Amino acid sequence: MRAVETVSAHSTAAIRRESASLQAERATGLSKRDWQRACGPQARRMLATVRFPALAKAVHDGTDVDAETSFATGLGFDIGVFRAPVRSGRMVIKYLPAER
């Protein structure tokens, strides 16, 4: 049952993200790419201050993926949790020593 709830929550979140993106595009008249271009200079100046090193690294190293790829990747992570071995009705996480 938890697996179904997890997949449902993941699907709902993906739909909400896509809906919010479309609403923002309609409200501003800017596509995601247009918005990035408009905010780019300010974001570069902020990141150049080195006050936000983790954010700067994430922006620099990050890739922009489409909604379908993002959904599939996240769903893969979610489903991977349920592949953990089960012993006595409880999940056993492999990197922890097993109880005896």
PDB file of N, CA and C in Angstrom:
ATOM      1  N   MET A   1       0.815  -1.195   0.000  1.00  0.00           N
ATOM      2  CA  MET A   1       0.000   0.000   0.000  1.00  0.00           C
ATOM      3  C   MET A   1       0.856   1.255   0.000  1.00  0.00           C
ATOM      4  N   ARG A   2       1.986   1.219   0.740  1.00  0.00           N
ATOM      5  CA  ARG A   2       2.880   2.384   0.790  1.00  0.00           C
ATOM      6  C   ARG A   2       3.419   2.710  -0.600  1.00  0.00           C
ATOM      7  N   ALA A   3       3.690   1.686  -1.391  1.00  0.00           N
ATOM      8  CA  ALA A   3       4.212   1.917  -2.739  1.00  0.00           C
ATOM      9  C   ALA A   3       3.202   2.699  -3.572  1.00  0.00           C
ATOM     10  N   VAL A   4       1.943   2.344  -3.473  1.00  0.00           N
ATOM     11  CA  VAL A   4       0.897   3.040  -4.218  1.00  0.00           C
ATOM     12  C   VAL A   4       0.792   4.488  -3.751  1.00  0.00           C
ATOM     13  N   GLU A   5       0.850   4.704  -2.448  1.00  0.00           N
ATOM     14  CA  GLU A   5       0.787   6.068  -1.913  1.00  0.00           C
ATOM     15  C   GLU A   5       1.976   6.905  -2.381  1.00  0.00           C
ATOM     16  N   THR A   6       3.148   6.295  -2.413  1.00  0.00           N
ATOM     17  CA  THR A   6       4.352   7.008  -2.835  1.00  0.00           C
ATOM     18  C   THR A   6       4.277   7.405  -4.303  1.00  0.00           C
ATOM     19  N   VAL A   7       3.873   6.471  -5.144  1.00  0.00           N
ATOM     20  CA  VAL A   7       3.742   6.771  -6.579  1.00  0.00           C
ATOM     21  C   VAL A   7       2.657   7.820  -6.793  1.00  0.00           C
ATOM     22  N   SER A   8       1.580   7.730  -6.066  1.00  0.00           N
ATOM     23  CA  SER A   8       0.506   8.721  -6.174  1.00  0.00           C
ATOM     24  C   SER A   8       0.990  10.107  -5.775  1.00  0.00           C
ATOM     25  N   ALA A   9       1.721  10.190  -4.670  1.00  0.00           N
ATOM     26  CA  ALA A   9       2.250  11.481  -4.211  1.00  0.00           C
ATOM     27  C   ALA A   9       3.236  12.055  -5.227  1.00  0.00           C
ATOM     28  N   HIS A  10       4.070  11.205  -5.788  1.00  0.00           N
ATOM     29  CA  HIS A  10       5.035  11.653  -6.794  1.00  0.00           C
ATOM     30  C   HIS A  10       4.305  12.184  -8.031  1.00  0.00           C
ATOM     31  N   SER A  11       3.292  11.461  -8.473  1.00  0.00           N
ATOM     32  CA  SER A  11       2.528  11.885  -9.653  1.00  0.00           C
ATOM     33  C   SER A  11       1.804  13.204  -9.399  1.00  0.00           C
ATOM     34  N   THR A  12       1.196  13.333  -8.232  1.00  0.00           N
ATOM     35  CA  THR A  12       0.489  14.566  -7.885  1.00  0.00           C
ATOM     36  C   THR A  12       1.444  15.752  -7.868  1.00  0.00           C
ATOM     37  N   ALA A  13       2.613  15.568  -7.275  1.00  0.00           N
ATOM     38  CA  ALA A  13       3.601  16.649  -7.208  1.00  0.00           C
ATOM     39  C   ALA A  13       4.065  17.060  -8.605  1.00  0.00           C
ATOM     40  N   ALA A  14       4.267  16.093  -9.479  1.00  0.00           N
ATOM     41  CA  ALA A  14       4.707  16.402 -10.845  1.00  0.00           C
ATOM     42  C   ALA A  14       3.633  17.186 -11.596  1.00  0.00           C
ATOM     43  N   ILE A  15       2.397  16.804 -11.426  1.00  0.00           N
ATOM     44  CA  ILE A  15       1.294  17.516 -12.087  1.00  0.00           C
ATOM     45  C   ILE A  15       1.190  18.937 -11.554  1.00  0.00           C
ATOM     46  N   ARG A  16       1.337  19.102 -10.247  1.00  0.00           N
ATOM     47  CA  ARG A  16       1.276  20.448  -9.652  1.00  0.00           C
ATOM     48  C   ARG A  16       2.415  21.336 -10.137  1.00  0.00           C
ATOM     49  N   ARG A  17       3.632  20.768 -10.243  1.00  0.00           N
ATOM     50  CA  ARG A  17       4.780  21.539 -10.741  1.00  0.00           C
ATOM     51  C   ARG A  17       4.530  22.007 -12.169  1.00  0.00           C
ATOM     52  N   GLU A  18       4.045  21.111 -13.001  1.00  0.00           N
ATOM     53  CA  GLU A  18       3.784  21.459 -14.401  1.00  0.00           C
ATOM     54  C   GLU A  18       2.672  22.498 -14.498  1.00  0.00           C
ATOM     55  N   SER A  19       1.636  22.346 -13.696  1.00  0.00           N
ATOM     56  CA  SER A  19       0.531  23.303 -13.680  1.00  0.00           C
ATOM     57  C   SER A  19       1.008  24.681 -13.231  1.00  0.00           C
ATOM     58  N   ALA A  20       1.833  24.726 -12.186  1.00  0.00           N
ATOM     59  CA  ALA A  20       2.361  26.001 -11.692  1.00  0.00           C
ATOM     60  C   ALA A  20       3.226  26.677 -12.747  1.00  0.00           C
ATOM     61  N   SER A  21       3.987  25.897 -13.465  1.00  0.00           N
ATOM     62  CA  SER A  21       4.832  26.445 -14.523  1.00  0.00           C
ATOM     63  C   SER A  21       3.975  27.072 -15.632  1.00  0.00           C
ATOM     64  N   LEU A  22       2.930  26.383 -16.020  1.00  0.00           N
ATOM     65  CA  LEU A  22       2.038  26.914 -17.057  1.00  0.00           C
ATOM     66  C   LEU A  22       1.299  28.162 -16.578  1.00  0.00           C
ATOM     67  N   GLN A  23       0.874  28.164 -15.314  1.00  0.00           N
ATOM     68  CA  GLN A  23       0.200  29.344 -14.760  1.00  0.00           C
ATOM     69  C   GLN A  23       1.145  30.541 -14.716  1.00  0.00           C
ATOM     70  N   ALA A  24       2.389  30.318 -14.343  1.00  0.00           N
ATOM     71  CA  ALA A  24       3.371  31.407 -14.301  1.00  0.00           C
ATOM     72  C   ALA A  24       3.631  31.947 -15.700  1.00  0.00           C
ATOM     73  N   GLU A  25       3.693  31.060 -16.663  1.00  0.00           N
ATOM     74  CA  GLU A  25       3.910  31.494 -18.049  1.00  0.00           C
ATOM     75  C   GLU A  25       2.744  32.336 -18.545  1.00  0.00           C
ATOM     76  N   ARG A  26       1.547  31.919 -18.228  1.00  0.00           N
ATOM     77  CA  ARG A  26       0.363  32.705 -18.638  1.00  0.00           C
ATOM     78  C   ARG A  26       0.318  34.059 -17.932  1.00  0.00           C
ATOM     79  N   ALA A  27       0.634  34.078 -16.644  1.00  0.00           N
ATOM     80  CA  ALA A  27       0.549  35.306 -15.851  1.00  0.00           C
ATOM     81  C   ALA A  27       1.611  36.330 -16.254  1.00  0.00           C
ATOM     82  N   THR A  28       2.812  35.861 -16.578  1.00  0.00           N
ATOM     83  CA  THR A  28       3.905  36.783 -16.883  1.00  0.00           C
ATOM     84  C   THR A  28       4.102  37.026 -18.370  1.00  0.00           C
ATOM     85  N   GLY A  29       3.624  36.097 -19.180  1.00  0.00           N
ATOM     86  CA  GLY A  29       3.872  36.191 -20.618  1.00  0.00           C
ATOM     87  C   GLY A  29       5.278  35.741 -20.998  1.00  0.00           C
ATOM     88  N   LEU A  30       6.024  35.209 -20.018  1.00  0.00           N
ATOM     89  CA  LEU A  30       7.391  34.758 -20.269  1.00  0.00           C
ATOM     90  C   LEU A  30       7.467  33.238 -20.190  1.00  0.00           C
ATOM     91  N   SER A  31       8.119  32.647 -21.167  1.00  0.00           N
ATOM     92  CA  SER A  31       8.390  31.216 -21.085  1.00  0.00           C
ATOM     93  C   SER A  31       9.486  31.004 -20.052  1.00  0.00           C
ATOM     94  N   LYS A  32       9.737  29.773 -19.699  1.00  0.00           N
ATOM     95  CA  LYS A  32      10.793  29.480 -18.735  1.00  0.00           C
ATOM     96  C   LYS A  32      12.130  30.015 -19.254  1.00  0.00           C
ATOM     97  N   ARG A  33      12.399  29.801 -20.517  1.00  0.00           N
ATOM     98  CA  ARG A  33      13.657  30.257 -21.120  1.00  0.00           C
ATOM     99  C   ARG A  33      13.743  31.786 -21.104  1.00  0.00           C
ATOM    100  N   ASP A  34      12.629  32.464 -21.438  1.00  0.00           N
ATOM    101  CA  ASP A  34      12.610  33.935 -21.409  1.00  0.00           C
ATOM    102  C   ASP A  34      12.852  34.461 -19.992  1.00  0.00           C
ATOM    103  N   TRP A  35      12.231  33.816 -19.009  1.00  0.00           N
ATOM    104  CA  TRP A  35      12.397  34.228 -17.617  1.00  0.00           C
ATOM    105  C   TRP A  35      13.855  34.057 -17.183  1.00  0.00           C
ATOM    106  N   GLN A  36      14.474  32.937 -17.577  1.00  0.00           N
ATOM    107  CA  GLN A  36      15.875  32.705 -17.234  1.00  0.00           C
ATOM    108  C   GLN A  36      16.768  33.782 -17.849  1.00  0.00           C
ATOM    109  N   ARG A  37      16.493  34.140 -19.092  1.00  0.00           N
ATOM    110  CA  ARG A  37      17.282  35.195 -19.748  1.00  0.00           C
ATOM    111  C   ARG A  37      17.105  36.536 -19.036  1.00  0.00           C
ATOM    112  N   ALA A  38      15.895  36.844 -18.632  1.00  0.00           N
ATOM    113  CA  ALA A  38      15.614  38.125 -17.969  1.00  0.00           C
ATOM    114  C   ALA A  38      16.276  38.198 -16.592  1.00  0.00           C
ATOM    115  N   CYS A  39      16.292  37.084 -15.867  1.00  0.00           N
ATOM    116  CA  CYS A  39      16.849  37.064 -14.510  1.00  0.00           C
ATOM    117  C   CYS A  39      18.326  36.690 -14.476  1.00  0.00           C
ATOM    118  N   GLY A  40      18.861  36.234 -15.594  1.00  0.00           N
ATOM    119  CA  GLY A  40      20.242  35.758 -15.643  1.00  0.00           C
ATOM    120  C   GLY A  40      21.273  36.740 -15.124  1.00  0.00           C
ATOM    121  N   PRO A  41      21.283  37.994 -15.602  1.00  0.00           N
ATOM    122  CA  PRO A  41      22.308  38.937 -15.134  1.00  0.00           C
ATOM    123  C   PRO A  41      22.275  39.144 -13.615  1.00  0.00           C
ATOM    124  N   GLN A  42      21.081  39.272 -13.054  1.00  0.00           N
ATOM    125  CA  GLN A  42      20.970  39.457 -11.601  1.00  0.00           C
ATOM    126  C   GLN A  42      21.443  38.210 -10.863  1.00  0.00           C
ATOM    127  N   ALA A  43      21.072  37.044 -11.364  1.00  0.00           N
ATOM    128  CA  ALA A  43      21.497  35.797 -10.722  1.00  0.00           C
ATOM    129  C   ALA A  43      23.019  35.651 -10.793  1.00  0.00           C
ATOM    130  N   ARG A  44      23.627  35.992 -11.927  1.00  0.00           N
ATOM    131  CA  ARG A  44      25.085  35.913 -12.045  1.00  0.00           C
ATOM    132  C   ARG A  44      25.778  36.839 -11.044  1.00  0.00           C
ATOM    133  N   ARG A  45      25.247  38.053 -10.900  1.00  0.00           N
ATOM    134  CA  ARG A  45      25.838  38.993  -9.931  1.00  0.00           C
ATOM    135  C   ARG A  45      25.732  38.447  -8.505  1.00  0.00           C
ATOM    136  N   MET A  46      24.584  37.866  -8.169  1.00  0.00           N
ATOM    137  CA  MET A  46      24.388  37.321  -6.827  1.00  0.00           C
ATOM    138  C   MET A  46      25.351  36.160  -6.574  1.00  0.00           C
ATOM    139  N   LEU A  47      25.484  35.272  -7.546  1.00  0.00           N
ATOM    140  CA  LEU A  47      26.352  34.110  -7.371  1.00  0.00           C
ATOM    141  C   LEU A  47      27.826  34.512  -7.348  1.00  0.00           C
ATOM    142  N   ALA A  48      28.174  35.598  -8.013  1.00  0.00           N
ATOM    143  CA  ALA A  48      29.561  36.070  -8.048  1.00  0.00           C
ATOM    144  C   ALA A  48      30.023  36.607  -6.697  1.00  0.00           C
ATOM    145  N   THR A  49      29.094  36.898  -5.802  1.00  0.00           N
ATOM    146  CA  THR A  49      29.484  37.408  -4.477  1.00  0.00           C
ATOM    147  C   THR A  49      30.106  36.326  -3.613  1.00  0.00           C
ATOM    148  N   VAL A  50      30.020  35.088  -3.997  1.00  0.00           N
ATOM    149  CA  VAL A  50      30.488  33.895  -3.270  1.00  0.00           C
ATOM    150  C   VAL A  50      29.860  33.742  -1.889  1.00  0.00           C
ATOM    151  N   ARG A  51      28.753  34.404  -1.662  1.00  0.00           N
ATOM    152  CA  ARG A  51      28.033  34.245  -0.393  1.00  0.00           C
ATOM    153  C   ARG A  51      27.198  32.968  -0.386  1.00  0.00           C
ATOM    154  N   PHE A  52      26.968  32.397  -1.552  1.00  0.00           N
ATOM    155  CA  PHE A  52      26.102  31.223  -1.674  1.00  0.00           C
ATOM    156  C   PHE A  52      26.835  30.126  -2.452  1.00  0.00           C
ATOM    157  N   PRO A  53      27.898  29.541  -1.891  1.00  0.00           N
ATOM    158  CA  PRO A  53      28.696  28.579  -2.657  1.00  0.00           C
ATOM    159  C   PRO A  53      27.932  27.318  -3.072  1.00  0.00           C
ATOM    160  N   ALA A  54      27.067  26.817  -2.221  1.00  0.00           N
ATOM    161  CA  ALA A  54      26.321  25.599  -2.567  1.00  0.00           C
ATOM    162  C   ALA A  54      25.351  25.875  -3.714  1.00  0.00           C
ATOM    163  N   LEU A  55      24.686  27.034  -3.666  1.00  0.00           N
ATOM    164  CA  LEU A  55      23.773  27.395  -4.752  1.00  0.00           C
ATOM    165  C   LEU A  55      24.537  27.612  -6.046  1.00  0.00           C
ATOM    166  N   ALA A  56      25.680  28.281  -5.966  1.00  0.00           N
ATOM    167  CA  ALA A  56      26.491  28.520  -7.164  1.00  0.00           C
ATOM    168  C   ALA A  56      26.922  27.201  -7.788  1.00  0.00           C
ATOM    169  N   LYS A  57      27.323  26.234  -6.955  1.00  0.00           N
ATOM    170  CA  LYS A  57      27.731  24.929  -7.477  1.00  0.00           C
ATOM    171  C   LYS A  57      26.549  24.208  -8.136  1.00  0.00           C
ATOM    172  N   ALA A  58      25.396  24.257  -7.488  1.00  0.00           N
ATOM    173  CA  ALA A  58      24.209  23.594  -8.047  1.00  0.00           C
ATOM    174  C   ALA A  58      23.816  24.216  -9.378  1.00  0.00           C
ATOM    175  N   VAL A  59      23.882  25.539  -9.469  1.00  0.00           N
ATOM    176  CA  VAL A  59      23.525  26.220 -10.720  1.00  0.00           C
ATOM    177  C   VAL A  59      24.551  25.884 -11.805  1.00  0.00           C
ATOM    178  N   HIS A  60      25.820  25.918 -11.430  1.00  0.00           N
ATOM    179  CA  HIS A  60      26.875  25.667 -12.407  1.00  0.00           C
ATOM    180  C   HIS A  60      26.870  24.223 -12.889  1.00  0.00           C
ATOM    181  N   ASP A  61      26.743  23.273 -11.963  1.00  0.00           N
ATOM    182  CA  ASP A  61      26.834  21.848 -12.296  1.00  0.00           C
ATOM    183  C   ASP A  61      25.518  21.244 -12.774  1.00  0.00           C
ATOM    184  N   GLY A  62      24.421  21.923 -12.488  1.00  0.00           N
ATOM    185  CA  GLY A  62      23.105  21.365 -12.782  1.00  0.00           C
ATOM    186  C   GLY A  62      22.800  21.304 -14.265  1.00  0.00           C
ATOM    187  N   THR A  63      21.884  20.437 -14.599  1.00  0.00           N
ATOM    188  CA  THR A  63      21.406  20.341 -15.969  1.00  0.00           C
ATOM    189  C   THR A  63      19.915  20.631 -15.981  1.00  0.00           C
ATOM    190  N   ASP A  64      19.462  21.170 -17.061  1.00  0.00           N
ATOM    191  CA  ASP A  64      18.043  21.475 -17.212  1.00  0.00           C
ATOM    192  C   ASP A  64      17.400  20.321 -17.969  1.00  0.00           C
ATOM    193  N   VAL A  65      16.545  19.580 -17.302  1.00  0.00           N
ATOM    194  CA  VAL A  65      15.908  18.427 -17.930  1.00  0.00           C
ATOM    195  C   VAL A  65      14.428  18.717 -18.148  1.00  0.00           C
ATOM    196  N   ASP A  66      13.851  18.032 -19.115  1.00  0.00           N
ATOM    197  CA  ASP A  66      12.429  18.223 -19.391  1.00  0.00           C
ATOM    198  C   ASP A  66      11.589  17.527 -18.323  1.00  0.00           C
ATOM    199  N   ALA A  67      10.303  17.843 -18.332  1.00  0.00           N
ATOM    200  CA  ALA A  67       9.399  17.324 -17.300  1.00  0.00           C
ATOM    201  C   ALA A  67       9.342  15.796 -17.307  1.00  0.00           C
ATOM    202  N   GLU A  68       9.357  15.199 -18.489  1.00  0.00           N
ATOM    203  CA  GLU A  68       9.261  13.740 -18.576  1.00  0.00           C
ATOM    204  C   GLU A  68      10.483  13.062 -17.946  1.00  0.00           C
ATOM    205  N   THR A  69      11.670  13.595 -18.228  1.00  0.00           N
ATOM    206  CA  THR A  69      12.896  13.030 -17.655  1.00  0.00           C
ATOM    207  C   THR A  69      12.924  13.217 -16.146  1.00  0.00           C
ATOM    208  N   SER A  70      12.534  14.399 -15.690  1.00  0.00           N
ATOM    209  CA  SER A  70      12.490  14.681 -14.258  1.00  0.00           C
ATOM    210  C   SER A  70      11.537  13.723 -13.550  1.00  0.00           C
ATOM    211  N   PHE A  71      10.369  13.513 -14.129  1.00  0.00           N
ATOM    212  CA  PHE A  71       9.379  12.618 -13.537  1.00  0.00           C
ATOM    213  C   PHE A  71       9.920  11.190 -13.467  1.00  0.00           C
ATOM    214  N   ALA A  72      10.479  10.718 -14.576  1.00  0.00           N
ATOM    215  CA  ALA A  72      10.974   9.337 -14.628  1.00  0.00           C
ATOM    216  C   ALA A  72      12.107   9.118 -13.635  1.00  0.00           C
ATOM    217  N   THR A  73      13.006  10.078 -13.524  1.00  0.00           N
ATOM    218  CA  THR A  73      14.123   9.959 -12.581  1.00  0.00           C
ATOM    219  C   THR A  73      13.617   9.913 -11.143  1.00  0.00           C
ATOM    220  N   GLY A  74      12.743  10.840 -10.792  1.00  0.00           N
ATOM    221  CA  GLY A  74      12.198  10.867  -9.435  1.00  0.00           C
ATOM    222  C   GLY A  74      11.411   9.617  -9.112  1.00  0.00           C
ATOM    223  N   LEU A  75      10.634   9.144 -10.066  1.00  0.00           N
ATOM    224  CA  LEU A  75       9.855   7.922  -9.851  1.00  0.00           C
ATOM    225  C   LEU A  75      10.780   6.733  -9.652  1.00  0.00           C
ATOM    226  N   GLY A  76      11.866   6.711 -10.405  1.00  0.00           N
ATOM    227  CA  GLY A  76      12.855   5.637 -10.237  1.00  0.00           C
ATOM    228  C   GLY A  76      13.434   5.626  -8.834  1.00  0.00           C
ATOM    229  N   PHE A  77      13.729   6.829  -8.299  1.00  0.00           N
ATOM    230  CA  PHE A  77      14.235   6.910  -6.926  1.00  0.00           C
ATOM    231  C   PHE A  77      13.180   6.404  -5.949  1.00  0.00           C
ATOM    232  N   ASP A  78      11.941   6.840  -6.143  1.00  0.00           N
ATOM    233  CA  ASP A  78      10.867   6.430  -5.235  1.00  0.00           C
ATOM    234  C   ASP A  78      10.662   4.924  -5.251  1.00  0.00           C
ATOM    235  N   ILE A  79      10.623   4.351  -6.418  1.00  0.00           N
ATOM    236  CA  ILE A  79      10.377   2.908  -6.538  1.00  0.00           C
ATOM    237  C   ILE A  79      11.571   2.116  -6.011  1.00  0.00           C
ATOM    238  N   GLY A  80      12.771   2.677  -6.162  1.00  0.00           N
ATOM    239  CA  GLY A  80      13.964   1.997  -5.676  1.00  0.00           C
ATOM    240  C   GLY A  80      13.915   1.704  -4.194  1.00  0.00           C
ATOM    241  N   VAL A  81      13.230   2.550  -3.440  1.00  0.00           N
ATOM    242  CA  VAL A  81      13.100   2.334  -2.001  1.00  0.00           C
ATOM    243  C   VAL A  81      12.402   1.009  -1.721  1.00  0.00           C
ATOM    244  N   PHE A  82      11.464   0.644  -2.560  1.00  0.00           N
ATOM    245  CA  PHE A  82      10.682  -0.568  -2.307  1.00  0.00           C
ATOM    246  C   PHE A  82      11.372  -1.830  -2.796  1.00  0.00           C
ATOM    247  N   ARG A  83      12.554  -1.677  -3.349  1.00  0.00           N
ATOM    248  CA  ARG A  83      13.326  -2.845  -3.769  1.00  0.00           C
ATOM    249  C   ARG A  83      14.226  -3.356  -2.657  1.00  0.00           C
ATOM    250  N   ALA A  84      14.243  -2.664  -1.540  1.00  0.00           N
ATOM    251  CA  ALA A  84      15.064  -3.097  -0.411  1.00  0.00           C
ATOM    252  C   ALA A  84      14.558  -4.445   0.083  1.00  0.00           C
ATOM    253  N   PRO A  85      15.467  -5.300   0.532  1.00  0.00           N
ATOM    254  CA  PRO A  85      15.019  -6.610   1.016  1.00  0.00           C
ATOM    255  C   PRO A  85      14.107  -6.475   2.237  1.00  0.00           C
ATOM    256  N   VAL A  86      13.153  -7.370   2.328  1.00  0.00           N
ATOM    257  CA  VAL A  86      12.213  -7.343   3.440  1.00  0.00           C
ATOM    258  C   VAL A  86      12.440  -8.596   4.285  1.00  0.00           C
ATOM    259  N   ARG A  87      12.538  -8.383   5.610  1.00  0.00           N
ATOM    260  CA  ARG A  87      12.738  -9.494   6.523  1.00  0.00           C
ATOM    261  C   ARG A  87      11.750  -9.309   7.664  1.00  0.00           C
ATOM    262  N   SER A  88      10.951 -10.283   7.930  1.00  0.00           N
ATOM    263  CA  SER A  88       9.968 -10.248   9.018  1.00  0.00           C
ATOM    264  C   SER A  88       9.012  -9.065   8.886  1.00  0.00           C
ATOM    265  N   GLY A  89       8.643  -8.731   7.657  1.00  0.00           N
ATOM    266  CA  GLY A  89       7.680  -7.663   7.455  1.00  0.00           C
ATOM    267  C   GLY A  89       8.253  -6.265   7.597  1.00  0.00           C
ATOM    268  N   ARG A  90       9.563  -6.137   7.783  1.00  0.00           N
ATOM    269  CA  ARG A  90      10.198  -4.821   7.907  1.00  0.00           C
ATOM    270  C   ARG A  90      11.257  -4.682   6.818  1.00  0.00           C
ATOM    271  N   MET A  91      11.425  -3.461   6.340  1.00  0.00           N
ATOM    272  CA  MET A  91      12.491  -3.224   5.367  1.00  0.00           C
ATOM    273  C   MET A  91      13.823  -3.260   6.100  1.00  0.00           C
ATOM    274  N   VAL A  92      14.792  -3.878   5.487  1.00  0.00           N
ATOM    275  CA  VAL A  92      16.138  -3.908   6.038  1.00  0.00           C
ATOM    276  C   VAL A  92      17.014  -3.087   5.095  1.00  0.00           C
ATOM    277  N   ILE A  93      17.586  -2.033   5.610  1.00  0.00           N
ATOM    278  CA  ILE A  93      18.437  -1.194   4.786  1.00  0.00           C
ATOM    279  C   ILE A  93      19.813  -1.832   4.741  1.00  0.00           C
ATOM    280  N   LYS A  94      20.334  -2.039   3.541  1.00  0.00           N
ATOM    281  CA  LYS A  94      21.535  -2.840   3.363  1.00  0.00           C
ATOM    282  C   LYS A  94      22.773  -2.289   4.060  1.00  0.00           C
ATOM    283  N   TYR A  95      22.883  -0.985   4.191  1.00  0.00           N
ATOM    284  CA  TYR A  95      24.117  -0.454   4.774  1.00  0.00           C
ATOM    285  C   TYR A  95      24.109  -0.450   6.290  1.00  0.00           C
ATOM    286  N   LEU A  96      23.036  -0.878   6.913  1.00  0.00           N
ATOM    287  CA  LEU A  96      22.997  -1.007   8.375  1.00  0.00           C
ATOM    288  C   LEU A  96      23.198  -2.476   8.727  1.00  0.00           C
ATOM    289  N   PRO A  97      23.862  -2.760   9.840  1.00  0.00           N
ATOM    290  CA  PRO A  97      23.996  -4.162  10.225  1.00  0.00           C
ATOM    291  C   PRO A  97      22.627  -4.768  10.517  1.00  0.00           C
ATOM    292  N   ALA A  98      22.419  -5.965  10.056  1.00  0.00           N
ATOM    293  CA  ALA A  98      21.139  -6.651  10.267  1.00  0.00           C
ATOM    294  C   ALA A  98      20.990  -7.031  11.734  1.00  0.00           C
ATOM    295  N   GLU A  99      19.756  -6.914  12.225  1.00  0.00           N
ATOM    296  CA  GLU A  99      19.474  -7.316  13.601  1.00  0.00           C
ATOM    297  C   GLU A  99      19.431  -8.839  13.663  1.00  0.00           C
ATOM    298  N   ARG A 100      19.867  -9.369  14.806  1.00  0.00           N
ATOM    299  CA  ARG A 100      19.831 -10.851  14.945  1.00  0.00           C
ATOM    300  C   ARG A 100      18.794 -11.228  15.963  1.00  0.00           C
TER     301      ARG A 100
END
